[in-house]
């Protein structure tokens, strides 16, 4: 689950996004499980954005 959550964040940060947009896209992604979504949101909140 950890790796899957990290992959979600990496996927969405492959192009520049504001943190609010990153979080919104992860929340709206219906292809991931709730557990992975919650962990990805935790990672995204701390992710260093360019």
PDB file of N, CA and C in Angstrom:
ATOM      1  N   UNK A   1       0.823  -1.196   0.000  1.00  0.00           N
ATOM      2  CA  UNK A   1       0.000   0.000   0.000  1.00  0.00           C
ATOM      3  C   UNK A   1       0.868   1.261   0.000  1.00  0.00           C
ATOM      4  N   UNK A   2       1.945   1.259   0.762  1.00  0.00           N
ATOM      5  CA  UNK A   2       2.820   2.441   0.813  1.00  0.00           C
ATOM      6  C   UNK A   2       3.349   2.785  -0.583  1.00  0.00           C
ATOM      7  N   UNK A   3       3.835   1.764  -1.283  1.00  0.00           N
ATOM      8  CA  UNK A   3       4.405   2.002  -2.606  1.00  0.00           C
ATOM      9  C   UNK A   3       3.337   2.492  -3.582  1.00  0.00           C
ATOM     10  N   UNK A   4       2.155   1.906  -3.507  1.00  0.00           N
ATOM     11  CA  UNK A   4       1.064   2.340  -4.377  1.00  0.00           C
ATOM     12  C   UNK A   4       0.707   3.799  -4.110  1.00  0.00           C
ATOM     13  N   UNK A   5       0.656   4.184  -2.837  1.00  0.00           N
ATOM     14  CA  UNK A   5       0.346   5.574  -2.481  1.00  0.00           C
ATOM     15  C   UNK A   5       1.426   6.521  -2.989  1.00  0.00           C
ATOM     16  N   UNK A   6       2.682   6.142  -2.851  1.00  0.00           N
ATOM     17  CA  UNK A   6       3.775   6.969  -3.368  1.00  0.00           C
ATOM     18  C   UNK A   6       3.685   7.097  -4.885  1.00  0.00           C
ATOM     19  N   UNK A   7       3.343   6.010  -5.558  1.00  0.00           N
ATOM     20  CA  UNK A   7       3.204   6.049  -7.016  1.00  0.00           C
ATOM     21  C   UNK A   7       2.090   6.998  -7.450  1.00  0.00           C
ATOM     22  N   UNK A   8       1.010   7.044  -6.698  1.00  0.00           N
ATOM     23  CA  UNK A   8      -0.084   7.972  -7.001  1.00  0.00           C
ATOM     24  C   UNK A   8       0.422   9.407  -6.929  1.00  0.00           C
ATOM     25  N   UNK A   9       1.126   9.740  -5.855  1.00  0.00           N
ATOM     26  CA  UNK A   9       1.638  11.104  -5.691  1.00  0.00           C
ATOM     27  C   UNK A   9       2.651  11.414  -6.789  1.00  0.00           C
ATOM     28  N   UNK A  10       3.545  10.481  -7.077  1.00  0.00           N
ATOM     29  CA  UNK A  10       4.529  10.712  -8.142  1.00  0.00           C
ATOM     30  C   UNK A  10       3.853  10.934  -9.489  1.00  0.00           C
ATOM     31  N   UNK A  11       2.807  10.164  -9.763  1.00  0.00           N
ATOM     32  CA  UNK A  11       2.076  10.316 -11.012  1.00  0.00           C
ATOM     33  C   UNK A  11       1.515  11.733 -11.134  1.00  0.00           C
ATOM     34  N   UNK A  12       0.858  12.200 -10.100  1.00  0.00           N
ATOM     35  CA  UNK A  12       0.230  13.520 -10.172  1.00  0.00           C
ATOM     36  C   UNK A  12       1.228  14.665 -10.094  1.00  0.00           C
ATOM     37  N   UNK A  13       2.406  14.428  -9.555  1.00  0.00           N
ATOM     38  CA  UNK A  13       3.403  15.504  -9.493  1.00  0.00           C
ATOM     39  C   UNK A  13       4.370  15.455 -10.669  1.00  0.00           C
ATOM     40  N   UNK A  14       4.096  14.604 -11.657  1.00  0.00           N
ATOM     41  CA  UNK A  14       4.971  14.553 -12.827  1.00  0.00           C
ATOM     42  C   UNK A  14       4.869  15.839 -13.652  1.00  0.00           C
ATOM     43  N   UNK A  15       3.795  16.585 -13.454  1.00  0.00           N
ATOM     44  CA  UNK A  15       3.687  17.923 -14.026  1.00  0.00           C
ATOM     45  C   UNK A  15       3.386  18.889 -12.883  1.00  0.00           C
ATOM     46  N   UNK A  16       3.802  20.140 -13.022  1.00  0.00           N
ATOM     47  CA  UNK A  16       3.647  21.091 -11.912  1.00  0.00           C
ATOM     48  C   UNK A  16       2.177  21.308 -11.518  1.00  0.00           C
ATOM     49  N   UNK A  17       1.924  21.218 -10.234  1.00  0.00           N
ATOM     50  CA  UNK A  17       0.587  21.452  -9.678  1.00  0.00           C
ATOM     51  C   UNK A  17       0.712  22.214  -8.371  1.00  0.00           C
ATOM     52  N   UNK A  18      -0.272  23.024  -8.090  1.00  0.00           N
ATOM     53  CA  UNK A  18      -0.363  23.629  -6.759  1.00  0.00           C
ATOM     54  C   UNK A  18      -0.817  22.529  -5.796  1.00  0.00           C
ATOM     55  N   UNK A  19      -0.471  22.651  -4.534  1.00  0.00           N
ATOM     56  CA  UNK A  19      -0.824  21.626  -3.553  1.00  0.00           C
ATOM     57  C   UNK A  19      -2.334  21.372  -3.511  1.00  0.00           C
ATOM     58  N   UNK A  20      -3.137  22.425  -3.560  1.00  0.00           N
ATOM     59  CA  UNK A  20      -4.596  22.249  -3.531  1.00  0.00           C
ATOM     60  C   UNK A  20      -5.078  21.411  -4.714  1.00  0.00           C
ATOM     61  N   UNK A  21      -4.514  21.647  -5.873  1.00  0.00           N
ATOM     62  CA  UNK A  21      -4.895  20.880  -7.061  1.00  0.00           C
ATOM     63  C   UNK A  21      -4.441  19.423  -6.930  1.00  0.00           C
ATOM     64  N   UNK A  22      -3.248  19.207  -6.420  1.00  0.00           N
ATOM     65  CA  UNK A  22      -2.746  17.855  -6.193  1.00  0.00           C
ATOM     66  C   UNK A  22      -3.683  17.089  -5.269  1.00  0.00           C
ATOM     67  N   UNK A  23      -4.044  17.687  -4.154  1.00  0.00           N
ATOM     68  CA  UNK A  23      -4.938  17.035  -3.196  1.00  0.00           C
ATOM     69  C   UNK A  23      -6.301  16.763  -3.820  1.00  0.00           C
ATOM     70  N   UNK A  24      -6.817  17.702  -4.582  1.00  0.00           N
ATOM     71  CA  UNK A  24      -8.123  17.531  -5.225  1.00  0.00           C
ATOM     72  C   UNK A  24      -8.094  16.375  -6.225  1.00  0.00           C
ATOM     73  N   UNK A  25      -7.037  16.272  -6.980  1.00  0.00           N
ATOM     74  CA  UNK A  25      -6.943  15.194  -7.974  1.00  0.00           C
ATOM     75  C   UNK A  25      -6.854  13.827  -7.299  1.00  0.00           C
ATOM     76  N   UNK A  26      -6.106  13.744  -6.213  1.00  0.00           N
ATOM     77  CA  UNK A  26      -6.021  12.476  -5.485  1.00  0.00           C
ATOM     78  C   UNK A  26      -7.381  12.119  -4.888  1.00  0.00           C
ATOM     79  N   UNK A  27      -8.048  13.096  -4.302  1.00  0.00           N
ATOM     80  CA  UNK A  27      -9.384  12.845  -3.727  1.00  0.00           C
ATOM     81  C   UNK A  27     -10.375  12.362  -4.782  1.00  0.00           C
ATOM     82  N   UNK A  28     -10.269  12.879  -5.999  1.00  0.00           N
ATOM     83  CA  UNK A  28     -11.221  12.560  -7.061  1.00  0.00           C
ATOM     84  C   UNK A  28     -10.887  11.270  -7.815  1.00  0.00           C
ATOM     85  N   UNK A  29      -9.729  10.698  -7.564  1.00  0.00           N
ATOM     86  CA  UNK A  29      -9.295   9.510  -8.306  1.00  0.00           C
ATOM     87  C   UNK A  29     -10.064   8.277  -7.830  1.00  0.00           C
ATOM     88  N   UNK A  30     -10.999   7.829  -8.646  1.00  0.00           N
ATOM     89  CA  UNK A  30     -11.837   6.682  -8.287  1.00  0.00           C
ATOM     90  C   UNK A  30     -11.152   5.345  -8.565  1.00  0.00           C
ATOM     91  N   UNK A  31      -9.949   5.379  -9.102  1.00  0.00           N
ATOM     92  CA  UNK A  31      -9.256   4.136  -9.451  1.00  0.00           C
ATOM     93  C   UNK A  31      -8.448   3.562  -8.298  1.00  0.00           C
ATOM     94  N   UNK A  32      -8.334   4.302  -7.195  1.00  0.00           N
ATOM     95  CA  UNK A  32      -7.539   3.813  -6.066  1.00  0.00           C
ATOM     96  C   UNK A  32      -8.436   3.537  -4.862  1.00  0.00           C
ATOM     97  N   UNK A  33      -7.979   2.634  -4.017  1.00  0.00           N
ATOM     98  CA  UNK A  33      -8.766   2.277  -2.832  1.00  0.00           C
ATOM     99  C   UNK A  33      -8.739   3.428  -1.822  1.00  0.00           C
ATOM    100  N   UNK A  34      -9.682   3.407  -0.923  1.00  0.00           N
ATOM    101  CA  UNK A  34      -9.766   4.455   0.103  1.00  0.00           C
ATOM    102  C   UNK A  34      -8.503   4.486   0.967  1.00  0.00           C
ATOM    103  N   UNK A  35      -7.992   3.316   1.321  1.00  0.00           N
ATOM    104  CA  UNK A  35      -6.784   3.253   2.160  1.00  0.00           C
ATOM    105  C   UNK A  35      -5.585   3.873   1.446  1.00  0.00           C
ATOM    106  N   UNK A  36      -5.425   3.547   0.167  1.00  0.00           N
ATOM    107  CA  UNK A  36      -4.323   4.118  -0.616  1.00  0.00           C
ATOM    108  C   UNK A  36      -4.530   5.614  -0.783  1.00  0.00           C
ATOM    109  N   UNK A  37      -5.768   6.045  -1.025  1.00  0.00           N
ATOM    110  CA  UNK A  37      -6.067   7.471  -1.176  1.00  0.00           C
ATOM    111  C   UNK A  37      -5.678   8.238   0.078  1.00  0.00           C
ATOM    112  N   UNK A  38      -6.057   7.739   1.236  1.00  0.00           N
ATOM    113  CA  UNK A  38      -5.737   8.429   2.491  1.00  0.00           C
ATOM    114  C   UNK A  38      -4.229   8.533   2.700  1.00  0.00           C
ATOM    115  N   UNK A  39      -3.504   7.455   2.392  1.00  0.00           N
ATOM    116  CA  UNK A  39      -2.043   7.485   2.553  1.00  0.00           C
ATOM    117  C   UNK A  39      -1.415   8.424   1.525  1.00  0.00           C
ATOM    118  N   UNK A  40      -1.923   8.411   0.298  1.00  0.00           N
ATOM    119  CA  UNK A  40      -1.405   9.308  -0.739  1.00  0.00           C
ATOM    120  C   UNK A  40      -1.640  10.760  -0.354  1.00  0.00           C
ATOM    121  N   UNK A  41      -2.786  11.054   0.238  1.00  0.00           N
ATOM    122  CA  UNK A  41      -3.060  12.419   0.696  1.00  0.00           C
ATOM    123  C   UNK A  41      -2.081  12.836   1.780  1.00  0.00           C
ATOM    124  N   UNK A  42      -1.746  11.909   2.685  1.00  0.00           N
ATOM    125  CA  UNK A  42      -0.748  12.215   3.716  1.00  0.00           C
ATOM    126  C   UNK A  42       0.596  12.543   3.073  1.00  0.00           C
ATOM    127  N   UNK A  43       1.025  11.711   2.124  1.00  0.00           N
ATOM    128  CA  UNK A  43       2.281  11.978   1.419  1.00  0.00           C
ATOM    129  C   UNK A  43       2.217  13.309   0.688  1.00  0.00           C
ATOM    130  N   UNK A  44       1.119  13.573   0.006  1.00  0.00           N
ATOM    131  CA  UNK A  44       0.979  14.785  -0.809  1.00  0.00           C
ATOM    132  C   UNK A  44       1.033  16.047   0.040  1.00  0.00           C
ATOM    133  N   UNK A  45       0.514  15.982   1.242  1.00  0.00           N
ATOM    134  CA  UNK A  45       0.534  17.159   2.124  1.00  0.00           C
ATOM    135  C   UNK A  45       1.971  17.561   2.492  1.00  0.00           C
ATOM    136  N   UNK A  46       2.894  16.586   2.466  1.00  0.00           N
ATOM    137  CA  UNK A  46       4.290  16.844   2.841  1.00  0.00           C
ATOM    138  C   UNK A  46       5.218  16.895   1.636  1.00  0.00           C
ATOM    139  N   UNK A  47       4.713  16.588   0.460  1.00  0.00           N
ATOM    140  CA  UNK A  47       5.532  16.476  -0.754  1.00  0.00           C
ATOM    141  C   UNK A  47       6.128  17.827  -1.116  1.00  0.00           C
ATOM    142  N   UNK A  48       7.398  17.835  -1.477  1.00  0.00           N
ATOM    143  CA  UNK A  48       8.051  19.069  -1.921  1.00  0.00           C
ATOM    144  C   UNK A  48       7.662  19.305  -3.372  1.00  0.00           C
ATOM    145  N   UNK A  49       6.958  20.388  -3.603  1.00  0.00           N
ATOM    146  CA  UNK A  49       6.533  20.742  -4.953  1.00  0.00           C
ATOM    147  C   UNK A  49       7.518  21.715  -5.565  1.00  0.00           C
ATOM    148  N   UNK A  50       7.732  21.595  -6.870  1.00  0.00           N
ATOM    149  CA  UNK A  50       8.655  22.515  -7.574  1.00  0.00           C
ATOM    150  C   UNK A  50       8.044  23.880  -7.740  1.00  0.00           C
TER     151      UNK A  50
END
